[in-house]
Protein backbone atom coordinates (compact mmCIF):
# COMPACT_ATOMS: atom_id res chain seq x y z
CA UNK A 1 -0.04 -0.08 -0.03
CA UNK A 2 1.28 3.35 -0.92
CA UNK A 3 -1.05 5.02 1.40
CA UNK A 4 -0.84 3.31 4.69
CA UNK A 5 -4.14 2.20 5.50
CA UNK A 6 -5.16 0.81 9.21
CA UNK A 7 -8.58 -0.49 10.38
CA UNK A 8 -10.70 0.58 13.76
CA UNK A 9 -12.38 -2.36 14.43
CA UNK A 10 -15.69 -1.47 16.49
CA UNK A 11 -16.50 -4.88 17.69
CA UNK A 12 -19.79 -4.79 16.31
CA UNK A 13 -22.45 -6.97 17.83
CA UNK A 14 -24.88 -7.63 15.22
CA UNK A 15 -28.53 -8.40 15.12
CA UNK A 16 -29.18 -11.88 16.66
CA UNK A 17 -25.34 -12.22 17.63
CA UNK A 18 -23.33 -12.58 20.92
CA UNK A 19 -20.30 -10.86 22.35
CA UNK A 20 -18.78 -14.43 21.50
CA UNK A 21 -19.42 -14.02 18.10
CA UNK A 22 -18.38 -10.42 17.52
CA UNK A 23 -14.59 -11.63 18.89
CA UNK A 24 -14.80 -14.48 16.57
CA UNK A 25 -14.98 -12.15 13.87
CA UNK A 26 -12.46 -9.57 15.22
CA UNK A 27 -10.20 -12.37 14.97
CA UNK A 28 -10.91 -13.57 11.59
CA UNK A 29 -10.49 -10.32 10.13
CA UNK A 30 -7.38 -9.59 12.10
CA UNK A 31 -5.87 -12.64 10.58
CA UNK A 32 -6.88 -11.28 6.86
CA UNK A 33 -6.11 -8.00 7.46
CA UNK A 34 -2.31 -9.06 8.58
CA UNK A 35 -2.42 -11.06 5.32
CA UNK A 36 -3.91 -8.11 2.95
CA UNK A 37 -1.11 -5.12 4.19
CA UNK A 38 -2.90 -3.22 6.75
CA UNK A 39 -0.88 -1.58 9.15
CA UNK A 40 -2.61 -1.67 12.51
CA UNK A 41 -6.02 -2.60 14.21
CA UNK A 42 -7.12 -0.50 16.77
CA UNK A 43 -10.34 -1.18 19.22
CA UNK A 44 -12.06 1.40 21.01
CA UNK A 45 -12.93 1.69 24.76
CA UNK A 46 -17.04 2.02 24.83
CA UNK A 47 -19.39 1.35 27.86
CA UNK A 48 -22.92 0.26 28.17
CA UNK A 49 -23.31 0.10 24.39
CA UNK A 50 -25.43 -3.46 23.36
CA UNK A 51 -23.74 -3.14 19.95
CA UNK A 52 -19.98 -2.64 20.99
CA UNK A 53 -18.07 -5.61 22.44
CA UNK A 54 -14.52 -3.52 23.14
CA UNK A 55 -15.21 -2.25 26.73
CA UNK A 56 -12.71 -4.31 27.93
CA UNK A 57 -10.36 -3.11 25.17
CA UNK A 58 -6.90 -4.46 26.51
CA UNK A 59 -8.37 -7.84 27.10
CA UNK A 60 -9.58 -7.92 23.60
CA UNK A 61 -6.32 -6.80 22.18
CA UNK A 62 -4.51 -9.65 23.94
CA UNK A 63 -6.96 -12.21 22.59
CA UNK A 64 -6.58 -10.90 19.05
CA UNK A 65 -2.85 -10.86 19.30
CA UNK A 66 -2.62 -14.36 20.62
CA UNK A 67 -4.48 -15.52 17.18
CA UNK A 68 -1.92 -13.24 15.16
CA UNK A 69 1.33 -12.88 14.38
CA UNK A 70 2.45 -9.43 12.90
CA UNK A 71 0.16 -6.78 12.68
CA UNK A 72 0.22 -3.91 15.35
CA UNK A 73 -2.72 -3.99 17.66
CA UNK A 74 -3.79 -1.34 19.98
CA UNK A 75 -6.57 0.81 21.67
CA UNK A 76 -8.35 3.70 19.09
CA UNK A 77 -8.84 4.51 22.32
CA UNK A 78 -8.70 4.19 25.59
CA UNK A 79 -10.63 6.55 27.62
CA UNK A 80 -7.66 7.74 30.51
CA UNK A 81 -10.45 9.85 32.53
CA UNK A 82 -11.93 6.21 33.36
CA UNK A 83 -8.67 4.63 34.36
CA UNK A 84 -5.75 5.26 37.20
CA UNK A 85 -2.47 5.88 34.74
CA UNK A 86 -0.62 3.27 36.68
CA UNK A 87 -3.54 0.50 35.67
CA UNK A 88 -3.20 1.35 32.31
CA UNK A 89 0.35 1.36 31.99
CA UNK A 90 0.78 -2.30 33.73
CA UNK A 91 -2.01 -3.36 31.44
CA UNK A 92 -0.28 -2.41 27.87
CA UNK A 93 3.09 -2.84 29.52
CA UNK A 94 1.51 -6.67 29.93
CA UNK A 95 0.51 -6.79 26.28
CA UNK A 96 3.80 -5.26 24.95
CA UNK A 97 5.75 -7.85 26.99
CA UNK A 98 3.76 -10.59 25.37
CA UNK A 99 3.55 -9.26 21.93
CA UNK A 100 7.15 -7.13 21.66
CA UNK A 101 7.11 -4.08 18.97
CA UNK A 102 3.04 -4.81 18.26
CA UNK A 103 1.43 -2.76 20.58
CA UNK A 104 0.06 0.83 20.18
CA UNK A 105 -1.55 2.74 22.84
CA UNK A 106 -3.95 5.90 21.87
CA UNK A 107 -5.83 7.97 24.64
CA UNK A 108 -8.84 9.90 24.50
CA UNK A 109 -10.27 11.96 27.21
CA UNK A 110 -14.24 11.37 26.44
CA UNK A 111 -16.13 9.07 28.85
CA UNK A 112 -17.06 6.94 25.93
CA UNK A 113 -20.33 6.39 27.90
CA UNK A 114 -23.23 8.34 29.05
CA UNK A 115 -23.90 10.17 32.90
CA UNK A 116 -25.12 6.98 34.24
CA UNK A 117 -22.57 4.54 33.04
CA UNK A 118 -19.95 7.26 34.19
CA UNK A 119 -21.18 6.77 38.08
CA UNK A 120 -21.28 3.26 37.55
CA UNK A 121 -17.27 3.50 36.68
CA UNK A 122 -16.73 5.20 39.53
CA UNK A 123 -15.30 7.94 37.31
CA UNK A 124 -15.16 11.72 38.78
CA UNK A 125 -16.96 14.26 36.66
CA UNK A 126 -13.63 16.37 37.01
CA UNK A 127 -11.58 13.75 35.82
CA UNK A 128 -10.73 14.66 32.37
CA UNK A 129 -9.45 18.03 33.63
CA UNK A 130 -6.46 16.32 34.36
CA UNK A 131 -6.07 14.34 31.13
CA UNK A 132 -2.98 16.04 30.05
CA UNK A 133 -1.27 15.45 33.41
CA UNK A 134 -2.46 12.02 33.15
CA UNK A 135 -0.90 11.29 29.64
CA UNK A 136 2.36 12.44 30.98
CA UNK A 137 2.18 10.20 34.13
CA UNK A 138 1.49 7.08 32.09
CA UNK A 139 4.31 8.25 29.93
CA UNK A 140 6.42 8.34 32.66
CA UNK A 141 5.69 4.38 34.11
CA UNK A 142 6.05 3.35 30.17
CA UNK A 143 9.49 5.00 29.60
CA UNK A 144 10.71 3.80 32.97
CA UNK A 145 11.34 7.61 34.37
CA UNK A 146 8.24 7.24 36.65
CA UNK A 147 6.33 10.91 38.04
CA UNK A 148 5.48 9.45 41.28
CA UNK A 149 8.46 8.57 43.48
CA UNK A 150 8.82 4.84 44.40
CA UNK A 151 6.14 3.55 41.85
CA UNK A 152 6.97 1.64 38.79
CA UNK A 153 4.47 0.18 36.40
CA UNK A 154 5.78 -3.62 36.43
CA UNK A 155 5.56 -4.99 33.63
CA UNK A 156 5.58 -1.62 31.83
CA UNK A 157 8.75 0.06 32.84
CA UNK A 158 11.03 0.42 29.90
CA UNK A 159 8.42 -1.21 27.16
CA UNK A 160 8.04 2.53 25.58
CA UNK A 161 4.77 1.26 24.19
CA UNK A 162 4.04 4.29 21.96
CA UNK A 163 1.43 6.82 22.51
CA UNK A 164 -1.17 8.50 20.43
CA UNK A 165 -3.55 11.51 21.58
CA UNK A 166 -7.00 10.95 19.71
CA UNK A 167 -9.10 13.81 19.33
CA UNK A 168 -11.92 15.68 17.63
CA UNK A 169 -11.46 19.40 18.35
CA UNK A 170 -8.76 21.39 19.05
CA UNK A 171 -7.65 20.59 22.43
CA UNK A 172 -6.27 17.18 21.60
CA UNK A 173 -4.69 18.78 18.40
CA UNK A 174 -2.76 21.12 20.69
CA UNK A 175 -1.85 18.63 23.15
CA UNK A 176 -0.11 16.37 20.72
CA UNK A 177 1.56 18.95 19.55
CA UNK A 178 3.11 19.90 22.87
CA UNK A 179 4.01 17.01 23.85
CA UNK A 180 5.65 15.66 20.42
CA UNK A 181 3.13 12.76 19.98
CA UNK A 182 1.32 11.61 16.78
CA UNK A 183 -2.27 12.94 16.80
CA UNK A 184 -5.45 10.60 15.26
CA UNK A 185 -8.54 12.87 14.59
CA UNK A 186 -11.90 11.11 14.81
CA UNK A 187 -12.99 12.43 11.15
CA UNK A 188 -14.87 9.20 10.81
CA UNK A 189 -17.93 10.62 12.71
CA UNK A 190 -16.77 14.03 13.92
CA UNK A 191 -15.64 15.79 10.82
CA UNK A 192 -15.94 19.47 11.49
CA UNK A 193 -12.84 20.24 13.16
CA UNK A 194 -10.64 18.21 11.23
CA UNK A 195 -8.34 20.77 8.90
CA UNK A 196 -8.69 23.25 11.56
CA UNK A 197 -6.86 20.77 14.36
CA UNK A 198 -4.41 19.10 11.86
CA UNK A 199 -3.07 22.51 10.70
CA UNK A 200 -3.00 23.43 14.84
CA UNK A 201 -1.15 20.45 15.30
CA UNK A 202 1.12 20.83 12.57
CA UNK A 203 2.12 24.23 13.26
CA UNK A 204 2.44 23.68 16.79
CA UNK A 205 4.44 20.52 16.89
CA UNK A 206 7.33 20.43 19.30
CA UNK A 207 9.64 17.25 18.41
CA UNK A 208 10.13 14.96 21.34
CA UNK A 209 12.36 11.90 22.27
CA UNK A 210 9.41 10.00 20.50
CA UNK A 211 8.73 11.60 17.35
CA UNK A 212 10.84 14.32 15.25
CA UNK A 213 8.07 15.16 13.27
CA UNK A 214 4.33 15.81 12.97
CA UNK A 215 2.62 12.42 12.33
CA UNK A 216 -1.22 12.43 11.47
CA UNK A 217 -3.62 9.70 11.38
CA UNK A 218 -7.36 10.79 9.90
CA UNK A 219 -10.52 8.30 10.54
CA UNK A 220 -12.58 7.72 7.47
CA UNK A 221 -15.27 5.50 6.74
CA UNK A 222 -15.21 3.06 3.80
CA UNK A 223 -18.18 0.81 2.02
CA UNK A 224 -16.58 -1.09 -0.89
CA UNK A 225 -18.02 -3.64 -3.10
CA UNK A 226 -17.75 -5.02 -6.40
CA UNK A 227 -20.30 -3.27 -7.90
CA UNK A 228 -21.31 0.85 -7.39
CA UNK A 229 -24.88 0.04 -6.95
CA UNK A 230 -23.82 -3.04 -4.31
CA UNK A 231 -21.77 -0.26 -2.63
CA UNK A 232 -24.39 2.69 -2.29
CA UNK A 233 -26.76 -0.06 -1.18
CA UNK A 234 -24.76 -0.87 1.64
CA UNK A 235 -24.32 3.13 2.63
CA UNK A 236 -28.01 3.48 2.61
CA UNK A 237 -28.55 0.61 4.83
CA UNK A 238 -25.62 2.06 7.24
CA UNK A 239 -27.38 5.43 7.17
CA UNK A 240 -30.70 3.82 8.23
CA UNK A 241 -29.20 1.81 10.85
CA UNK A 242 -27.26 4.91 12.49
CA UNK A 243 -30.56 6.80 12.33
CA UNK A 244 -32.18 3.67 14.61
CA UNK A 245 -29.28 3.93 16.94
CA UNK A 246 -29.32 7.71 17.22
CA UNK A 247 -32.89 8.87 17.08
CA UNK A 248 -34.56 5.42 17.69
CA UNK A 249 -34.98 5.60 21.40
CA UNK A 250 -35.35 1.56 21.86
CA UNK A 251 -37.69 1.39 18.77
CA UNK A 252 -36.62 -0.17 14.85
CA UNK A 253 -37.64 2.51 12.19
CA UNK A 254 -38.51 1.02 9.03
CA UNK A 255 -36.39 1.79 5.81
CA UNK A 256 -39.15 4.10 4.98
CA UNK A 257 -39.30 6.06 7.99
CA UNK A 258 -35.58 5.93 8.23
CA UNK A 259 -35.33 7.26 4.84
CA UNK A 260 -38.19 10.17 5.75
CA UNK A 261 -35.54 11.02 9.19
CA UNK A 262 -32.49 11.13 6.63
CA UNK A 263 -34.29 13.71 4.75
CA UNK A 264 -35.64 16.13 7.65
CA UNK A 265 -33.30 18.49 10.07
CA UNK A 266 -33.28 15.69 12.63
CA UNK A 267 -31.44 13.39 10.24
CA UNK A 268 -28.70 16.26 9.22
CA UNK A 269 -26.68 15.03 12.20
CA UNK A 270 -26.63 11.66 10.89
CA UNK A 271 -25.40 12.73 7.43
CA UNK A 272 -23.09 15.14 8.77
CA UNK A 273 -21.43 12.36 10.56
CA UNK A 274 -20.51 10.76 7.71
CA UNK A 275 -19.54 13.16 5.56
CA UNK A 276 -16.09 11.83 4.77
CA UNK A 277 -16.91 8.22 3.20
CA UNK A 278 -15.27 6.42 0.46
CA UNK A 279 -18.07 4.50 -1.08
CA UNK A 280 -18.16 2.91 -4.35
CA UNK A 281 -15.84 -0.04 -6.24
CA UNK A 282 -12.46 -0.42 -5.32
CA UNK A 283 -11.00 2.20 -7.62
CA UNK A 284 -13.40 4.84 -6.84
CA UNK A 285 -12.51 4.16 -3.01
CA UNK A 286 -8.76 4.45 -3.85
CA UNK A 287 -9.13 7.96 -5.63
CA UNK A 288 -11.25 9.21 -2.68
CA UNK A 289 -9.03 8.01 0.20
CA UNK A 290 -5.96 9.26 -1.87
CA UNK A 291 -7.88 13.07 -2.08
CA UNK A 292 -8.90 12.84 1.62
CA UNK A 293 -5.44 12.15 2.87
CA UNK A 294 -4.25 15.01 0.96
CA UNK A 295 -7.26 17.26 2.21
CA UNK A 296 -6.54 16.12 5.72
CA UNK A 297 -2.78 16.24 5.37
CA UNK A 298 -2.59 12.84 6.77
CA UNK A 299 0.10 10.62 6.98
CA UNK A 300 -1.76 7.42 7.47
CA UNK A 301 -5.68 6.67 7.42
CA UNK A 302 -7.65 4.57 9.79
CA UNK A 303 -10.73 2.95 7.84
CA UNK A 304 -14.26 2.02 9.77
CA UNK A 305 -16.28 -0.26 7.53
CA UNK A 306 -19.87 -0.23 8.29
CA UNK A 307 -21.00 -2.62 5.69
CA UNK A 308 -23.70 -4.38 6.95
CA UNK A 309 -23.17 -8.09 7.54
CA UNK A 310 -20.17 -9.90 8.33
CA UNK A 311 -19.48 -10.99 4.41
CA UNK A 312 -19.89 -7.46 3.27
CA UNK A 313 -17.71 -6.02 6.04
CA UNK A 314 -15.16 -8.21 5.40
CA UNK A 315 -15.07 -8.22 1.52
CA UNK A 316 -15.31 -4.16 1.72
CA UNK A 317 -11.80 -4.20 3.78
CA UNK A 318 -10.47 -6.84 1.30
CA UNK A 319 -11.10 -5.39 -2.14
CA UNK A 320 -9.97 -1.81 -0.45
CA UNK A 321 -6.94 -3.66 0.64
CA UNK A 322 -6.22 -4.86 -3.11
CA UNK A 323 -6.91 -2.03 -4.90
CA UNK A 324 -4.78 0.12 -2.53
């Protein structure tokens, strides 16, 4: 691949599936992605979501790593305010010790959940305020230069697991630039600040012992199929499902109801979230991604496929890899 491509696997639990089915699919996809030439696969920390199985992110990474050989695996990301930095250093230090040179640690400051779930996680509502200090503390544990006298991460100390700052606003861009860390922007669902955030990051980047020049990863949706018509059908189905997830409040809309909502003001947010989407045949998707990477000033793209059903999901990523 001349443009580095990676995958964000949402560990989706499909209709009629269990979390176990999701994990089996994630392993199969990672094994294929390794053969197809993808650079890395990330999993995101979400809680209390019936359709996402990656809540125990480090455990899922360990499971997939044990069933693959070379592909990088990591968190995209760990919501650090939910955790003590020492705990995350120990978890990812363990992963790196078990699978040397294959582990990434992306860090976000969002809750990854709703207010009630935050309470269930015992999270302090103000914990996001110390995110920059928590990143530095975590970094110290992993480099073996602990900021807390007498406290080391074991395993973790000296593993130097690479950190990535995740974001969808200027805050993360500014922090990544100040710390000299790579920056990943969530443009696959929060596109609005992409160009401003990346420009700020590149402008203010300060070289560090970890990175000598800016490095940007941008998220983008992909639905690739053998024909344009099939890809557009899958994309429409994905938008309809998102309408139900965001606006259904427990009920499932019919296709006709979902289409009506998509044409209404309420549907604009759903459509806005998928602003950056490569949809179509492999050649069309490849052209789109190269144009998007240039627009986003991205060094690497991390793709999310919402193609309906496991077969279409796997085929979408296979076709993209062959074209790229």
